C-alpha atoms as a PDB file:
ATOM      1  CA  MET A   1     111.229 106.363  57.905  1.00  0.00           C
ATOM      2  CA  PRO A   2     110.948 107.193  61.632  1.00  0.00           C
ATOM      3  CA  GLN A   3     113.673 106.314  64.287  1.00  0.00           C
ATOM      4  CA  CYS A   4     111.107 104.180  66.107  1.00  0.00           C
ATOM      5  CA  LEU A   5     110.374 101.741  63.082  1.00  0.00           C
ATOM      6  CA  LYS A   6     113.803 101.412  62.398  1.00  0.00           C
ATOM      7  CA  ASN A   7     113.999  97.821  63.936  1.00  0.00           C
ATOM      8  CA  SER A   8     110.389  96.954  63.159  1.00  0.00           C
ATOM      9  CA  TYR A   9     109.427  93.748  60.867  1.00  0.00           C
ATOM     10  CA  ILE A  10     107.906  95.650  57.996  1.00  0.00           C
ATOM     11  CA  ALA A  11     111.414  97.669  57.723  1.00  0.00           C
ATOM     12  CA  GLN A  12     113.855  94.935  58.341  1.00  0.00           C
ATOM     13  CA  ASN A  13     111.963  92.798  55.420  1.00  0.00           C
ATOM     14  CA  TYR A  14     110.756  95.672  53.266  1.00  0.00           C
ATOM     15  CA  ASN A  15     113.008  98.301  53.858  1.00  0.00           C
ATOM     16  CA  ASP A  16     111.758 101.317  51.593  1.00  0.00           C
ATOM     17  CA  ASP A  17     109.739  99.145  48.896  1.00  0.00           C
ATOM     18  CA  LYS A  18     106.536 101.222  49.507  1.00  0.00           C
ATOM     19  CA  GLU A  19     104.218  98.869  46.869  1.00  0.00           C
ATOM     20  CA  ALA A  20     105.456  95.967  48.973  1.00  0.00           C
ATOM     21  CA  ILE A  21     104.599  97.367  52.487  1.00  0.00           C
ATOM     22  CA  GLU A  22     100.788  98.362  50.761  1.00  0.00           C
ATOM     23  CA  ILE A  23     100.791  94.859  49.679  1.00  0.00           C
ATOM     24  CA  PHE A  24     101.928  93.196  52.893  1.00  0.00           C
ATOM     25  CA  LEU A  25      99.437  95.557  55.047  1.00  0.00           C
ATOM     26  CA  ASN A  26      96.360  94.915  52.725  1.00  0.00           C
ATOM     27  CA  SER A  27      96.657  91.219  52.206  1.00  0.00           C
ATOM     28  CA  ALA A  28      94.163  88.797  53.720  1.00  0.00           C
ATOM     29  CA  ILE A  29      94.837  87.327  57.511  1.00  0.00           C
ATOM     30  CA  ASP A  30      94.775  83.230  57.588  1.00  0.00           C
ATOM     31  CA  SER A  31      92.937  82.726  60.506  1.00  0.00           C
ATOM     32  CA  SER A  32      94.694  78.938  61.509  1.00  0.00           C
ATOM     33  CA  VAL A  33      98.246  81.408  61.047  1.00  0.00           C
ATOM     34  CA  LEU A  34      96.711  83.949  63.647  1.00  0.00           C
ATOM     35  CA  GLN A  35      95.553  81.232  65.853  1.00  0.00           C
ATOM     36  CA  GLN A  36      98.990  79.914  66.025  1.00  0.00           C
ATOM     37  CA  LEU A  37     100.681  83.130  66.540  1.00  0.00           C
ATOM     38  CA  LYS A  38      98.429  83.575  69.498  1.00  0.00           C
ATOM     39  CA  ARG A  39      99.143  80.323  71.033  1.00  0.00           C
ATOM     40  CA  GLY A  40     103.014  81.611  70.477  1.00  0.00           C
ATOM     41  CA  ALA A  41     102.176  85.292  72.371  1.00  0.00           C
ATOM     42  CA  SER A  42     100.874  83.579  75.296  1.00  0.00           C
ATOM     43  CA  LEU A  43     103.979  81.303  75.784  1.00  0.00           C
ATOM     44  CA  VAL A  44     106.067  84.600  75.719  1.00  0.00           C
ATOM     45  CA  GLU A  45     107.107  85.524  79.439  1.00  0.00           C
ATOM     46  CA  ALA A  46     106.153  88.921  80.098  1.00  0.00           C
ATOM     47  CA  PRO A  47     108.593  91.262  82.660  1.00  0.00           C
ATOM     48  CA  ASN A  48     106.446  92.495  85.283  1.00  0.00           C
ATOM     49  CA  ILE A  49     103.218  91.016  84.373  1.00  0.00           C
ATOM     50  CA  ASP A  50     102.447  90.551  88.280  1.00  0.00           C
ATOM     51  CA  LYS A  51     103.589  94.497  88.894  1.00  0.00           C
ATOM     52  CA  ARG A  52     100.483  96.977  88.366  1.00  0.00           C
ATOM     53  CA  PRO A  53     102.131  99.937  89.297  1.00  0.00           C
ATOM     54  CA  LYS A  54      99.796 102.804  91.085  1.00  0.00           C
ATOM     55  CA  GLU A  55      98.570 105.538  89.230  1.00  0.00           C
ATOM     56  CA  GLU A  56      98.927 107.976  92.269  1.00  0.00           C
ATOM     57  CA  ASP A  57     102.389 106.471  92.704  1.00  0.00           C
ATOM     58  CA  LEU A  58     103.251 107.679  89.188  1.00  0.00           C
ATOM     59  CA  LYS A  59     101.359 110.858  89.532  1.00  0.00           C
ATOM     60  CA  ALA A  60     103.901 111.474  92.869  1.00  0.00           C
ATOM     61  CA  ILE A  61     106.924 110.850  90.460  1.00  0.00           C
ATOM     62  CA  PHE A  62     105.922 113.705  88.307  1.00  0.00           C
ATOM     63  CA  GLU A  63     105.176 116.439  90.722  1.00  0.00           C
ATOM     64  CA  ASN A  64     107.721 119.566  91.660  1.00  0.00           C
ATOM     65  CA  ILE A  65     109.447 119.169  88.107  1.00  0.00           C
ATOM     66  CA  THR A  66     111.298 122.548  87.652  1.00  0.00           C
ATOM     67  CA  ASP A  67     112.603 122.101  83.860  1.00  0.00           C
ATOM     68  CA  ILE A  68     112.177 119.645  81.120  1.00  0.00           C
ATOM     69  CA  LYS A  69     115.243 117.724  81.547  1.00  0.00           C
ATOM     70  CA  GLU A  70     114.305 116.890  84.851  1.00  0.00           C
ATOM     71  CA  ARG A  71     110.847 115.780  83.301  1.00  0.00           C
ATOM     72  CA  ASN A  72     112.524 113.422  81.270  1.00  0.00           C
ATOM     73  CA  SER A  73     114.861 111.653  83.469  1.00  0.00           C
ATOM     74  CA  ARG A  74     111.509 111.196  85.766  1.00  0.00           C
ATOM     75  CA  ILE A  75     110.063 109.689  82.677  1.00  0.00           C
ATOM     76  CA  VAL A  76     112.833 107.155  81.793  1.00  0.00           C
ATOM     77  CA  GLN A  77     112.871 106.080  85.653  1.00  0.00           C
ATOM     78  CA  ALA A  78     109.355 105.763  85.765  1.00  0.00           C
ATOM     79  CA  TYR A  79     109.389 103.119  82.741  1.00  0.00           C
ATOM     80  CA  LYS A  80     112.474 101.664  84.335  1.00  0.00           C
ATOM     81  CA  ASP A  81     110.176 101.049  87.188  1.00  0.00           C
ATOM     82  CA  GLY A  82     107.438  99.449  85.072  1.00  0.00           C
ATOM     83  CA  TYR A  83     105.022 101.964  84.048  1.00  0.00           C
ATOM     84  CA  SER A  84     104.170 102.040  80.297  1.00  0.00           C
ATOM     85  CA  GLN A  85     104.656 104.496  78.209  1.00  0.00           C
ATOM     86  CA  HIS A  86     100.867 104.428  77.561  1.00  0.00           C
ATOM     87  CA  MET A  87     100.442 105.420  81.621  1.00  0.00           C
ATOM     88  CA  ILE A  88     103.249 107.508  81.594  1.00  0.00           C
ATOM     89  CA  ALA A  89     101.686 109.697  78.640  1.00  0.00           C
END
């Protein structure tokens, strides 16, 4: 299992039981439960919700990079500054 999935709900509850994972992923969704999840998710405080980083500022962060180590360091810093992984990519 990829490292990025080690802490996922499925990994924690199904381990490597591929048959159980397939059943879980293919099971029907109860719309009332889905509505409860949506309501619950809306109550969760999201950090940096009002902070909308500017794309121009992000581009400036990645100017004049000379090596991969510096690039990686800037990626980490951009993420800490509130840029999403999607924006950084």
